[in-house]
Full PDB file with SEQRES, HELIX, SHEET, SSBOND, CRYST1, ORIGX, SCALE, CONECT and MASTER records, all heavy atoms in Angstrom:
SEQRES   1 A   43  GLN ALA ASN GLN GLY ASN SER ALA ASN GLN GLU SER PHE          
SEQRES   2 A   43  THR ASP LYS VAL GLN ASN LEU ASN ASN THR ALA ASP THR          
SEQRES   3 A   43  THR ALA ASP PHE ASP PRO SER ASP ILE ALA SER ASN LYS          
SEQRES   4 A   43  GLY ILE SER VAL                                              
HELIX    1 AA1 ALA A    2  GLN A   18  1                                  17    
HELIX    2 AA2 ASN A   19  ASN A   21  5                                   3    
HELIX    3 AA3 THR A   27  ASP A   29  5                                   3    
HELIX    4 AA4 PRO A   32  SER A   42  1                                  11    
CRYST1    1.000    1.000    1.000  90.00  90.00  90.00 P 1           1          
ORIGX1      1.000000  0.000000  0.000000        0.00000                         
ORIGX2      0.000000  1.000000  0.000000        0.00000                         
ORIGX3      0.000000  0.000000  1.000000        0.00000                         
SCALE1      1.000000  0.000000  0.000000        0.00000                         
SCALE2      0.000000  1.000000  0.000000        0.00000                         
SCALE3      0.000000  0.000000  1.000000        0.00000                         
ATOM      1  N   GLN A   1     -16.746  24.495 -13.386  1.00  0.00           N  
ATOM      2  CA  GLN A   1     -17.227  23.319 -12.603  1.00  0.00           C  
ATOM      3  C   GLN A   1     -16.947  22.013 -13.324  1.00  0.00           C  
ATOM      4  O   GLN A   1     -16.591  21.034 -12.711  1.00  0.00           O  
ATOM      5  CB  GLN A   1     -18.717  23.485 -12.332  1.00  0.00           C  
ATOM      6  CG  GLN A   1     -19.020  24.571 -11.304  1.00  0.00           C  
ATOM      7  CD  GLN A   1     -20.522  24.763 -11.153  1.00  0.00           C  
ATOM      8  OE1 GLN A   1     -21.345  24.168 -11.858  1.00  0.00           O  
ATOM      9  NE2 GLN A   1     -20.877  25.601 -10.176  1.00  0.00           N  
ATOM     10  N   ALA A   2     -17.144  22.001 -14.648  1.00  0.00           N  
ATOM     11  CA  ALA A   2     -16.882  20.784 -15.434  1.00  0.00           C  
ATOM     12  C   ALA A   2     -15.386  20.412 -15.342  1.00  0.00           C  
ATOM     13  O   ALA A   2     -15.034  19.233 -15.214  1.00  0.00           O  
ATOM     14  CB  ALA A   2     -17.332  20.969 -16.886  1.00  0.00           C  
ATOM     15  N   ASN A   3     -14.513  21.429 -15.512  1.00  0.00           N  
ATOM     16  CA  ASN A   3     -13.101  21.168 -15.430  1.00  0.00           C  
ATOM     17  C   ASN A   3     -12.689  20.688 -14.047  1.00  0.00           C  
ATOM     18  O   ASN A   3     -11.823  19.794 -13.901  1.00  0.00           O  
ATOM     19  CB  ASN A   3     -12.315  22.415 -15.814  1.00  0.00           C  
ATOM     20  CG  ASN A   3     -12.408  22.729 -17.260  1.00  0.00           C  
ATOM     21  OD1 ASN A   3     -12.664  21.861 -18.085  1.00  0.00           O  
ATOM     22  ND2 ASN A   3     -12.150  23.970 -17.653  1.00  0.00           N  
ATOM     23  N   GLN A   4     -13.289  21.227 -12.983  1.00  0.00           N  
ATOM     24  CA  GLN A   4     -12.960  20.775 -11.610  1.00  0.00           C  
ATOM     25  C   GLN A   4     -13.436  19.340 -11.416  1.00  0.00           C  
ATOM     26  O   GLN A   4     -12.775  18.536 -10.763  1.00  0.00           O  
ATOM     27  CB  GLN A   4     -13.617  21.675 -10.608  1.00  0.00           C  
ATOM     28  CG  GLN A   4     -12.957  23.033 -10.501  1.00  0.00           C  
ATOM     29  CD  GLN A   4     -13.700  23.987  -9.563  1.00  0.00           C  
ATOM     30  OE1 GLN A   4     -14.764  23.654  -9.071  1.00  0.00           O  
ATOM     31  NE2 GLN A   4     -13.144  25.197  -9.363  1.00  0.00           N  
ATOM     32  N   GLY A   5     -14.567  18.982 -11.960  1.00  0.00           N  
ATOM     33  CA  GLY A   5     -15.062  17.583 -11.888  1.00  0.00           C  
ATOM     34  C   GLY A   5     -14.146  16.652 -12.554  1.00  0.00           C  
ATOM     35  O   GLY A   5     -13.870  15.549 -12.066  1.00  0.00           O  
ATOM     36  N   ASN A   6     -13.624  17.011 -13.735  1.00  0.00           N  
ATOM     37  CA  ASN A   6     -12.668  16.138 -14.433  1.00  0.00           C  
ATOM     38  C   ASN A   6     -11.383  15.964 -13.680  1.00  0.00           C  
ATOM     39  O   ASN A   6     -10.846  14.854 -13.592  1.00  0.00           O  
ATOM     40  CB  ASN A   6     -12.372  16.680 -15.863  1.00  0.00           C  
ATOM     41  CG  ASN A   6     -13.544  16.536 -16.806  1.00  0.00           C  
ATOM     42  OD1 ASN A   6     -14.421  15.719 -16.544  1.00  0.00           O  
ATOM     43  ND2 ASN A   6     -13.564  17.337 -17.839  1.00  0.00           N  
ATOM     44  N   SER A   7     -10.857  17.033 -13.110  1.00  0.00           N  
ATOM     45  CA  SER A   7      -9.626  16.914 -12.351  1.00  0.00           C  
ATOM     46  C   SER A   7      -9.818  16.079 -11.080  1.00  0.00           C  
ATOM     47  O   SER A   7      -8.941  15.403 -10.616  1.00  0.00           O  
ATOM     48  CB  SER A   7      -9.024  18.295 -12.025  1.00  0.00           C  
ATOM     49  OG  SER A   7      -9.858  18.979 -11.151  1.00  0.00           O  
ATOM     50  N   ALA A   8     -11.009  16.204 -10.445  1.00  0.00           N  
ATOM     51  CA  ALA A   8     -11.322  15.408  -9.279  1.00  0.00           C  
ATOM     52  C   ALA A   8     -11.324  13.910  -9.645  1.00  0.00           C  
ATOM     53  O   ALA A   8     -10.827  13.108  -8.885  1.00  0.00           O  
ATOM     54  CB  ALA A   8     -12.626  15.793  -8.664  1.00  0.00           C  
ATOM     55  N   ASN A   9     -11.904  13.553 -10.808  1.00  0.00           N  
ATOM     56  CA  ASN A   9     -11.895  12.187 -11.215  1.00  0.00           C  
ATOM     57  C   ASN A   9     -10.464  11.668 -11.475  1.00  0.00           C  
ATOM     58  O   ASN A   9     -10.126  10.567 -11.169  1.00  0.00           O  
ATOM     59  CB  ASN A   9     -12.735  12.001 -12.509  1.00  0.00           C  
ATOM     60  CG  ASN A   9     -14.209  12.113 -12.195  1.00  0.00           C  
ATOM     61  OD1 ASN A   9     -14.628  11.981 -11.043  1.00  0.00           O  
ATOM     62  ND2 ASN A   9     -15.024  12.385 -13.226  1.00  0.00           N  
ATOM     63  N   GLN A  10      -9.667  12.504 -12.104  1.00  0.00           N  
ATOM     64  CA  GLN A  10      -8.284  12.128 -12.352  1.00  0.00           C  
ATOM     65  C   GLN A  10      -7.501  11.969 -11.049  1.00  0.00           C  
ATOM     66  O   GLN A  10      -6.728  11.088 -10.899  1.00  0.00           O  
ATOM     67  CB  GLN A  10      -7.613  13.155 -13.241  1.00  0.00           C  
ATOM     68  CG  GLN A  10      -8.141  13.123 -14.679  1.00  0.00           C  
ATOM     69  CD  GLN A  10      -7.584  14.273 -15.499  1.00  0.00           C  
ATOM     70  OE1 GLN A  10      -6.917  15.185 -15.004  1.00  0.00           O  
ATOM     71  NE2 GLN A  10      -7.840  14.248 -16.781  1.00  0.00           N  
ATOM     72  N   GLU A  11      -7.755  12.841 -10.114  1.00  0.00           N  
ATOM     73  CA  GLU A  11      -7.051  12.727  -8.830  1.00  0.00           C  
ATOM     74  C   GLU A  11      -7.468  11.429  -8.082  1.00  0.00           C  
ATOM     75  O   GLU A  11      -6.591  10.768  -7.494  1.00  0.00           O  
ATOM     76  CB  GLU A  11      -7.388  13.918  -7.948  1.00  0.00           C  
ATOM     77  CG  GLU A  11      -6.697  15.208  -8.435  1.00  0.00           C  
ATOM     78  CD  GLU A  11      -7.174  16.408  -7.619  1.00  0.00           C  
ATOM     79  OE1 GLU A  11      -7.948  16.255  -6.707  1.00  0.00           O  
ATOM     80  OE2 GLU A  11      -6.733  17.518  -7.940  1.00  0.00           O  
ATOM     81  N   SER A  12      -8.727  11.078  -8.132  1.00  0.00           N  
ATOM     82  CA  SER A  12      -9.122   9.898  -7.456  1.00  0.00           C  
ATOM     83  C   SER A  12      -8.547   8.651  -8.081  1.00  0.00           C  
ATOM     84  O   SER A  12      -8.145   7.713  -7.405  1.00  0.00           O  
ATOM     85  CB  SER A  12     -10.668   9.753  -7.416  1.00  0.00           C  
ATOM     86  OG  SER A  12     -11.207   9.570  -8.683  1.00  0.00           O  
ATOM     87  N   PHE A  13      -8.389   8.654  -9.418  1.00  0.00           N  
ATOM     88  CA  PHE A  13      -7.730   7.512 -10.086  1.00  0.00           C  
ATOM     89  C   PHE A  13      -6.259   7.463  -9.673  1.00  0.00           C  
ATOM     90  O   PHE A  13      -5.735   6.421  -9.409  1.00  0.00           O  
ATOM     91  CB  PHE A  13      -7.886   7.602 -11.608  1.00  0.00           C  
ATOM     92  CG  PHE A  13      -7.150   6.515 -12.331  1.00  0.00           C  
ATOM     93  CD1 PHE A  13      -7.640   5.209 -12.349  1.00  0.00           C  
ATOM     94  CD2 PHE A  13      -5.952   6.780 -13.002  1.00  0.00           C  
ATOM     95  CE1 PHE A  13      -6.976   4.210 -13.022  1.00  0.00           C  
ATOM     96  CE2 PHE A  13      -5.268   5.803 -13.658  1.00  0.00           C  
ATOM     97  CZ  PHE A  13      -5.789   4.497 -13.674  1.00  0.00           C  
ATOM     98  N   THR A  14      -5.614   8.652  -9.681  1.00  0.00           N  
ATOM     99  CA  THR A  14      -4.209   8.735  -9.298  1.00  0.00           C  
ATOM    100  C   THR A  14      -4.036   8.250  -7.860  1.00  0.00           C  
ATOM    101  O   THR A  14      -3.072   7.509  -7.537  1.00  0.00           O  
ATOM    102  CB  THR A  14      -3.706  10.165  -9.441  1.00  0.00           C  
ATOM    103  OG1 THR A  14      -3.904  10.618 -10.793  1.00  0.00           O  
ATOM    104  CG2 THR A  14      -2.221  10.292  -9.113  1.00  0.00           C  
ATOM    105  N   ASP A  15      -4.943   8.677  -6.987  1.00  0.00           N  
ATOM    106  CA  ASP A  15      -4.863   8.221  -5.602  1.00  0.00           C  
ATOM    107  C   ASP A  15      -5.020   6.719  -5.507  1.00  0.00           C  
ATOM    108  O   ASP A  15      -4.324   6.034  -4.733  1.00  0.00           O  
ATOM    109  CB  ASP A  15      -5.992   8.887  -4.754  1.00  0.00           C  
ATOM    110  CG  ASP A  15      -5.704  10.341  -4.553  1.00  0.00           C  
ATOM    111  OD1 ASP A  15      -4.532  10.803  -4.714  1.00  0.00           O  
ATOM    112  OD2 ASP A  15      -6.689  11.052  -4.187  1.00  0.00           O  
ATOM    113  N   LYS A  16      -5.899   6.161  -6.334  1.00  0.00           N  
ATOM    114  CA  LYS A  16      -6.109   4.657  -6.297  1.00  0.00           C  
ATOM    115  C   LYS A  16      -4.801   3.992  -6.699  1.00  0.00           C  
ATOM    116  O   LYS A  16      -4.420   2.966  -6.107  1.00  0.00           O  
ATOM    117  CB  LYS A  16      -7.215   4.291  -7.203  1.00  0.00           C  
ATOM    118  CG  LYS A  16      -8.613   4.606  -6.668  1.00  0.00           C  
ATOM    119  CD  LYS A  16      -9.699   4.175  -7.624  1.00  0.00           C  
ATOM    120  CE  LYS A  16     -11.041   4.593  -7.138  1.00  0.00           C  
ATOM    121  NZ  LYS A  16     -12.106   4.226  -8.057  1.00  0.00           N  
ATOM    122  N   VAL A  17      -4.132   4.495  -7.765  1.00  0.00           N  
ATOM    123  CA  VAL A  17      -2.919   3.878  -8.197  1.00  0.00           C  
ATOM    124  C   VAL A  17      -1.830   3.985  -7.128  1.00  0.00           C  
ATOM    125  O   VAL A  17      -1.080   3.047  -6.854  1.00  0.00           O  
ATOM    126  CB  VAL A  17      -2.446   4.471  -9.556  1.00  0.00           C  
ATOM    127  CG1 VAL A  17      -1.079   4.002  -9.932  1.00  0.00           C  
ATOM    128  CG2 VAL A  17      -3.452   4.108 -10.624  1.00  0.00           C  
ATOM    129  N   GLN A  18      -1.735   5.195  -6.507  1.00  0.00           N  
ATOM    130  CA  GLN A  18      -0.689   5.394  -5.527  1.00  0.00           C  
ATOM    131  C   GLN A  18      -0.943   4.568  -4.289  1.00  0.00           C  
ATOM    132  O   GLN A  18      -0.030   4.172  -3.623  1.00  0.00           O  
ATOM    133  CB  GLN A  18      -0.609   6.879  -5.173  1.00  0.00           C  
ATOM    134  CG  GLN A  18      -0.004   7.712  -6.272  1.00  0.00           C  
ATOM    135  CD  GLN A  18      -0.003   9.178  -5.955  1.00  0.00           C  
ATOM    136  OE1 GLN A  18      -0.669   9.646  -5.025  1.00  0.00           O  
ATOM    137  NE2 GLN A  18       0.757   9.946  -6.759  1.00  0.00           N  
ATOM    138  N   ASN A  19      -2.200   4.336  -3.984  1.00  0.00           N  
ATOM    139  CA  ASN A  19      -2.586   3.588  -2.779  1.00  0.00           C  
ATOM    140  C   ASN A  19      -2.704   2.107  -3.012  1.00  0.00           C  
ATOM    141  O   ASN A  19      -3.157   1.354  -2.152  1.00  0.00           O  
ATOM    142  CB  ASN A  19      -3.851   4.137  -2.172  1.00  0.00           C  
ATOM    143  CG  ASN A  19      -3.683   5.520  -1.635  1.00  0.00           C  
ATOM    144  OD1 ASN A  19      -2.632   5.884  -1.147  1.00  0.00           O  
ATOM    145  ND2 ASN A  19      -4.738   6.327  -1.726  1.00  0.00           N  
ATOM    146  N   LEU A  20      -2.362   1.638  -4.221  1.00  0.00           N  
ATOM    147  CA  LEU A  20      -2.490   0.233  -4.529  1.00  0.00           C  
ATOM    148  C   LEU A  20      -1.677  -0.674  -3.572  1.00  0.00           C  
ATOM    149  O   LEU A  20      -2.103  -1.750  -3.237  1.00  0.00           O  
ATOM    150  CB  LEU A  20      -1.980  -0.015  -6.000  1.00  0.00           C  
ATOM    151  CG  LEU A  20      -2.283  -1.361  -6.605  1.00  0.00           C  
ATOM    152  CD1 LEU A  20      -3.774  -1.644  -6.612  1.00  0.00           C  
ATOM    153  CD2 LEU A  20      -1.726  -1.470  -7.952  1.00  0.00           C  
ATOM    154  N   ASN A  21      -0.523  -0.173  -3.163  1.00  0.00           N  
ATOM    155  CA  ASN A  21       0.328  -1.003  -2.271  1.00  0.00           C  
ATOM    156  C   ASN A  21       0.030  -0.700  -0.800  1.00  0.00           C  
ATOM    157  O   ASN A  21       0.776  -1.134   0.056  1.00  0.00           O  
ATOM    158  CB  ASN A  21       1.806  -0.838  -2.617  1.00  0.00           C  
ATOM    159  CG  ASN A  21       2.657  -1.891  -1.999  1.00  0.00           C  
ATOM    160  OD1 ASN A  21       2.186  -3.012  -1.751  1.00  0.00           O  
ATOM    161  ND2 ASN A  21       3.912  -1.592  -1.717  1.00  0.00           N  
ATOM    162  N   ASN A  22      -0.967   0.094  -0.486  1.00  0.00           N  
ATOM    163  CA  ASN A  22      -1.368   0.358   0.893  1.00  0.00           C  
ATOM    164  C   ASN A  22      -2.239  -0.806   1.340  1.00  0.00           C  
ATOM    165  O   ASN A  22      -3.441  -0.649   1.488  1.00  0.00           O  
ATOM    166  CB  ASN A  22      -2.086   1.695   1.045  1.00  0.00           C  
ATOM    167  CG  ASN A  22      -1.097   2.834   0.978  1.00  0.00           C  
ATOM    168  OD1 ASN A  22       0.096   2.666   1.075  1.00  0.00           O  
ATOM    169  ND2 ASN A  22      -1.633   4.045   0.781  1.00  0.00           N  
ATOM    170  N   THR A  23      -1.628  -1.936   1.572  1.00  0.00           N  
ATOM    171  CA  THR A  23      -2.357  -3.146   1.990  1.00  0.00           C  
ATOM    172  C   THR A  23      -2.157  -3.420   3.443  1.00  0.00           C  
ATOM    173  O   THR A  23      -1.320  -2.766   4.091  1.00  0.00           O  
ATOM    174  CB  THR A  23      -1.934  -4.350   1.123  1.00  0.00           C  
ATOM    175  OG1 THR A  23      -0.494  -4.524   1.268  1.00  0.00           O  
ATOM    176  CG2 THR A  23      -2.252  -4.122  -0.361  1.00  0.00           C  
ATOM    177  N   ALA A  24      -2.831  -4.386   3.935  1.00  0.00           N  
ATOM    178  CA  ALA A  24      -2.736  -4.716   5.350  1.00  0.00           C  
ATOM    179  C   ALA A  24      -1.296  -5.145   5.745  1.00  0.00           C  
ATOM    180  O   ALA A  24      -0.716  -5.978   5.065  1.00  0.00           O  
ATOM    181  CB  ALA A  24      -3.681  -5.839   5.712  1.00  0.00           C  
ATOM    182  N   ASP A  25      -0.813  -4.519   6.759  1.00  0.00           N  
ATOM    183  CA  ASP A  25       0.545  -4.823   7.293  1.00  0.00           C  
ATOM    184  C   ASP A  25       0.390  -5.497   8.646  1.00  0.00           C  
ATOM    185  O   ASP A  25      -0.025  -4.913   9.622  1.00  0.00           O  
ATOM    186  CB  ASP A  25       1.337  -3.554   7.422  1.00  0.00           C  
ATOM    187  CG  ASP A  25       2.822  -3.793   7.777  1.00  0.00           C  
ATOM    188  OD1 ASP A  25       3.147  -4.941   8.102  1.00  0.00           O  
ATOM    189  OD2 ASP A  25       3.604  -2.835   7.704  1.00  0.00           O  
ATOM    190  N   THR A  26       0.681  -6.802   8.663  1.00  0.00           N  
ATOM    191  CA  THR A  26       0.514  -7.567   9.888  1.00  0.00           C  
ATOM    192  C   THR A  26       1.837  -7.930  10.512  1.00  0.00           C  
ATOM    193  O   THR A  26       1.960  -8.954  11.238  1.00  0.00           O  
ATOM    194  CB  THR A  26      -0.317  -8.855   9.597  1.00  0.00           C  
ATOM    195  OG1 THR A  26       0.392  -9.577   8.566  1.00  0.00           O  
ATOM    196  CG2 THR A  26      -1.687  -8.512   9.134  1.00  0.00           C  
ATOM    197  N   THR A  27       2.868  -7.142  10.260  1.00  0.00           N  
ATOM    198  CA  THR A  27       4.223  -7.430  10.778  1.00  0.00           C  
ATOM    199  C   THR A  27       4.193  -7.555  12.296  1.00  0.00           C  
ATOM    200  O   THR A  27       4.917  -8.398  12.873  1.00  0.00           O  
ATOM    201  CB  THR A  27       5.189  -6.346  10.315  1.00  0.00           C  
ATOM    202  OG1 THR A  27       5.064  -6.192   8.905  1.00  0.00           O  
ATOM    203  CG2 THR A  27       6.596  -6.661  10.690  1.00  0.00           C  
ATOM    204  N   ALA A  28       3.405  -6.760  12.972  1.00  0.00           N  
ATOM    205  CA  ALA A  28       3.414  -6.747  14.438  1.00  0.00           C  
ATOM    206  C   ALA A  28       2.903  -8.110  15.004  1.00  0.00           C  
ATOM    207  O   ALA A  28       3.161  -8.419  16.153  1.00  0.00           O  
ATOM    208  CB  ALA A  28       2.503  -5.651  14.959  1.00  0.00           C  
ATOM    209  N   ASP A  29       2.218  -8.919  14.183  1.00  0.00           N  
ATOM    210  CA  ASP A  29       1.749 -10.214  14.661  1.00  0.00           C  
ATOM    211  C   ASP A  29       2.800 -11.298  14.682  1.00  0.00           C  
ATOM    212  O   ASP A  29       2.529 -12.406  15.173  1.00  0.00           O  
ATOM    213  CB  ASP A  29       0.596 -10.699  13.754  1.00  0.00           C  
ATOM    214  CG  ASP A  29      -0.620  -9.768  13.797  1.00  0.00           C  
ATOM    215  OD1 ASP A  29      -0.683  -8.948  14.685  1.00  0.00           O  
ATOM    216  OD2 ASP A  29      -1.476  -9.866  12.879  1.00  0.00           O  
ATOM    217  N   PHE A  30       4.020 -10.988  14.203  1.00  0.00           N  
ATOM    218  CA  PHE A  30       5.021 -11.985  14.096  1.00  0.00           C  
ATOM    219  C   PHE A  30       6.154 -11.743  15.102  1.00  0.00           C  
ATOM    220  O   PHE A  30       6.438 -10.602  15.444  1.00  0.00           O  
ATOM    221  CB  PHE A  30       5.598 -12.023  12.668  1.00  0.00           C  
ATOM    222  CG  PHE A  30       4.599 -12.408  11.638  1.00  0.00           C  
ATOM    223  CD1 PHE A  30       3.846 -11.497  10.960  1.00  0.00           C  
ATOM    224  CD2 PHE A  30       4.335 -13.763  11.359  1.00  0.00           C  
ATOM    225  CE1 PHE A  30       2.895 -11.842  10.029  1.00  0.00           C  
ATOM    226  CE2 PHE A  30       3.397 -14.124  10.424  1.00  0.00           C  
ATOM    227  CZ  PHE A  30       2.690 -13.159   9.771  1.00  0.00           C  
ATOM    228  N   ASP A  31       6.797 -12.809  15.544  1.00  0.00           N  
ATOM    229  CA  ASP A  31       7.940 -12.701  16.459  1.00  0.00           C  
ATOM    230  C   ASP A  31       9.139 -12.069  15.751  1.00  0.00           C  
ATOM    231  O   ASP A  31       9.506 -12.559  14.687  1.00  0.00           O  
ATOM    232  CB  ASP A  31       8.229 -14.122  16.992  1.00  0.00           C  
ATOM    233  CG  ASP A  31       9.379 -14.132  17.935  1.00  0.00           C  
ATOM    234  OD1 ASP A  31       9.631 -13.108  18.612  1.00  0.00           O  
ATOM    235  OD2 ASP A  31      10.077 -15.186  18.034  1.00  0.00           O  
ATOM    236  N   PRO A  32       9.737 -11.045  16.295  1.00  0.00           N  
ATOM    237  CA  PRO A  32      10.884 -10.413  15.642  1.00  0.00           C  
ATOM    238  C   PRO A  32      12.036 -11.342  15.369  1.00  0.00           C  
ATOM    239  O   PRO A  32      12.738 -11.220  14.354  1.00  0.00           O  
ATOM    240  CB  PRO A  32      11.313  -9.283  16.601  1.00  0.00           C  
ATOM    241  CG  PRO A  32      10.062  -8.990  17.375  1.00  0.00           C  
ATOM    242  CD  PRO A  32       9.288 -10.284  17.480  1.00  0.00           C  
ATOM    243  N   SER A  33      12.241 -12.346  16.236  1.00  0.00           N  
ATOM    244  CA  SER A  33      13.333 -13.272  15.986  1.00  0.00           C  
ATOM    245  C   SER A  33      12.999 -14.214  14.841  1.00  0.00           C  
ATOM    246  O   SER A  33      13.872 -14.630  14.099  1.00  0.00           O  
ATOM    247  CB  SER A  33      13.663 -14.098  17.291  1.00  0.00           C  
ATOM    248  OG  SER A  33      12.518 -14.840  17.674  1.00  0.00           O  
ATOM    249  N   ASP A  34      11.698 -14.553  14.728  1.00  0.00           N  
ATOM    250  CA  ASP A  34      11.264 -15.348  13.579  1.00  0.00           C  
ATOM    251  C   ASP A  34      11.491 -14.603  12.278  1.00  0.00           C  
ATOM    252  O   ASP A  34      11.959 -15.169  11.289  1.00  0.00           O  
ATOM    253  CB  ASP A  34       9.788 -15.724  13.748  1.00  0.00           C  
ATOM    254  CG  ASP A  34       9.230 -16.616  12.666  1.00  0.00           C  
ATOM    255  OD1 ASP A  34      10.032 -17.271  11.929  1.00  0.00           O  
ATOM    256  OD2 ASP A  34       8.001 -16.677  12.480  1.00  0.00           O  
ATOM    257  N   ILE A  35      11.184 -13.343  12.281  1.00  0.00           N  
ATOM    258  CA  ILE A  35      11.376 -12.492  11.057  1.00  0.00           C  
ATOM    259  C   ILE A  35      12.873 -12.448  10.753  1.00  0.00           C  
ATOM    260  O   ILE A  35      13.253 -12.649   9.591  1.00  0.00           O  
ATOM    261  CB  ILE A  35      10.795 -11.097  11.282  1.00  0.00           C  
ATOM    262  CG1 ILE A  35       9.258 -11.171  11.411  1.00  0.00           C  
ATOM    263  CG2 ILE A  35      11.172 -10.174  10.147  1.00  0.00           C  
ATOM    264  CD1 ILE A  35       8.623  -9.839  11.783  1.00  0.00           C  
ATOM    265  N   ALA A  36      13.685 -12.176  11.740  1.00  0.00           N  
ATOM    266  CA  ALA A  36      15.124 -12.009  11.534  1.00  0.00           C  
ATOM    267  C   ALA A  36      15.768 -13.264  10.966  1.00  0.00           C  
ATOM    268  O   ALA A  36      16.630 -13.213  10.099  1.00  0.00           O  
ATOM    269  CB  ALA A  36      15.838 -11.552  12.794  1.00  0.00           C  
ATOM    270  N   SER A  37      15.355 -14.419  11.468  1.00  0.00           N  
ATOM    271  CA  SER A  37      15.993 -15.641  11.046  1.00  0.00           C  
ATOM    272  C   SER A  37      15.423 -16.231   9.746  1.00  0.00           C  
ATOM    273  O   SER A  37      16.081 -17.119   9.152  1.00  0.00           O  
ATOM    274  CB  SER A  37      15.874 -16.699  12.156  1.00  0.00           C  
ATOM    275  OG  SER A  37      14.574 -17.013  12.470  1.00  0.00           O  
ATOM    276  N   ASN A  38      14.257 -15.757   9.313  1.00  0.00           N  
ATOM    277  CA  ASN A  38      13.667 -16.377   8.133  1.00  0.00           C  
ATOM    278  C   ASN A  38      13.353 -15.435   6.979  1.00  0.00           C  
ATOM    279  O   ASN A  38      12.766 -15.849   5.983  1.00  0.00           O  
ATOM    280  CB  ASN A  38      12.324 -17.067   8.526  1.00  0.00           C  
ATOM    281  CG  ASN A  38      12.615 -18.293   9.387  1.00  0.00           C  
ATOM    282  OD1 ASN A  38      13.268 -19.217   8.918  1.00  0.00           O  
ATOM    283  ND2 ASN A  38      12.082 -18.262  10.588  1.00  0.00           N  
ATOM    284  N   LYS A  39      13.754 -14.160   7.080  1.00  0.00           N  
ATOM    285  CA  LYS A  39      13.441 -13.253   5.961  1.00  0.00           C  
ATOM    286  C   LYS A  39      14.242 -13.569   4.722  1.00  0.00           C  
ATOM    287  O   LYS A  39      13.769 -13.340   3.632  1.00  0.00           O  
ATOM    288  CB  LYS A  39      13.548 -11.828   6.396  1.00  0.00           C  
ATOM    289  CG  LYS A  39      14.863 -11.283   6.768  1.00  0.00           C  
ATOM    290  CD  LYS A  39      14.755  -9.816   7.207  1.00  0.00           C  
ATOM    291  CE  LYS A  39      16.036  -9.286   7.721  1.00  0.00           C  
ATOM    292  NZ  LYS A  39      15.929  -7.923   8.165  1.00  0.00           N  
ATOM    293  N   GLY A  40      15.448 -14.110   4.857  1.00  0.00           N  
ATOM    294  CA  GLY A  40      16.246 -14.456   3.689  1.00  0.00           C  
ATOM    295  C   GLY A  40      15.629 -15.567   2.874  1.00  0.00           C  
ATOM    296  O   GLY A  40      15.477 -15.456   1.629  1.00  0.00           O  
ATOM    297  N   ILE A  41      15.235 -16.622   3.537  1.00  0.00           N  
ATOM    298  CA  ILE A  41      14.616 -17.755   2.813  1.00  0.00           C  
ATOM    299  C   ILE A  41      13.212 -17.417   2.335  1.00  0.00           C  
ATOM    300  O   ILE A  41      12.726 -17.985   1.372  1.00  0.00           O  
ATOM    301  CB  ILE A  41      14.677 -19.054   3.677  1.00  0.00           C  
ATOM    302  CG1 ILE A  41      14.438 -20.265   2.764  1.00  0.00           C  
ATOM    303  CG2 ILE A  41      13.638 -18.976   4.791  1.00  0.00           C  
ATOM    304  CD1 ILE A  41      14.802 -21.567   3.428  1.00  0.00           C  
ATOM    305  N   SER A  42      12.545 -16.476   2.984  1.00  0.00           N  
ATOM    306  CA  SER A  42      11.187 -16.122   2.602  1.00  0.00           C  
ATOM    307  C   SER A  42      11.163 -15.391   1.275  1.00  0.00           C  
ATOM    308  O   SER A  42      10.134 -15.384   0.587  1.00  0.00           O  
ATOM    309  CB  SER A  42      10.548 -15.164   3.664  1.00  0.00           C  
ATOM    310  OG  SER A  42      10.347 -15.884   4.863  1.00  0.00           O  
ATOM    311  N   VAL A  43      12.284 -14.778   0.888  1.00  0.00           N  
ATOM    312  CA  VAL A  43      12.391 -14.136  -0.423  1.00  0.00           C  
ATOM    313  C   VAL A  43      12.143 -15.163  -1.521  1.00  0.00           C  
ATOM    314  O   VAL A  43      11.506 -14.828  -2.566  1.00  0.00           O  
ATOM    315  CB  VAL A  43      13.783 -13.478  -0.553  1.00  0.00           C  
ATOM    316  CG1 VAL A  43      14.021 -13.058  -2.016  1.00  0.00           C  
ATOM    317  CG2 VAL A  43      13.902 -12.309   0.360  1.00  0.00           C  
TER     318      VAL A  43                                                      
MASTER        0    0    0    4    0    0    0    6  317    1    0    4          
END                                                                             
């Protein structure tokens, strides 16, 4: 049980690191033509 608890804590930390870039994606709120014409300069 102690070993399972330790691996669960490690998994949750690993999940947090892997999910760090799972942030809000609001791409659908923008006009596709606006995205296409301005993604180069947005870099």
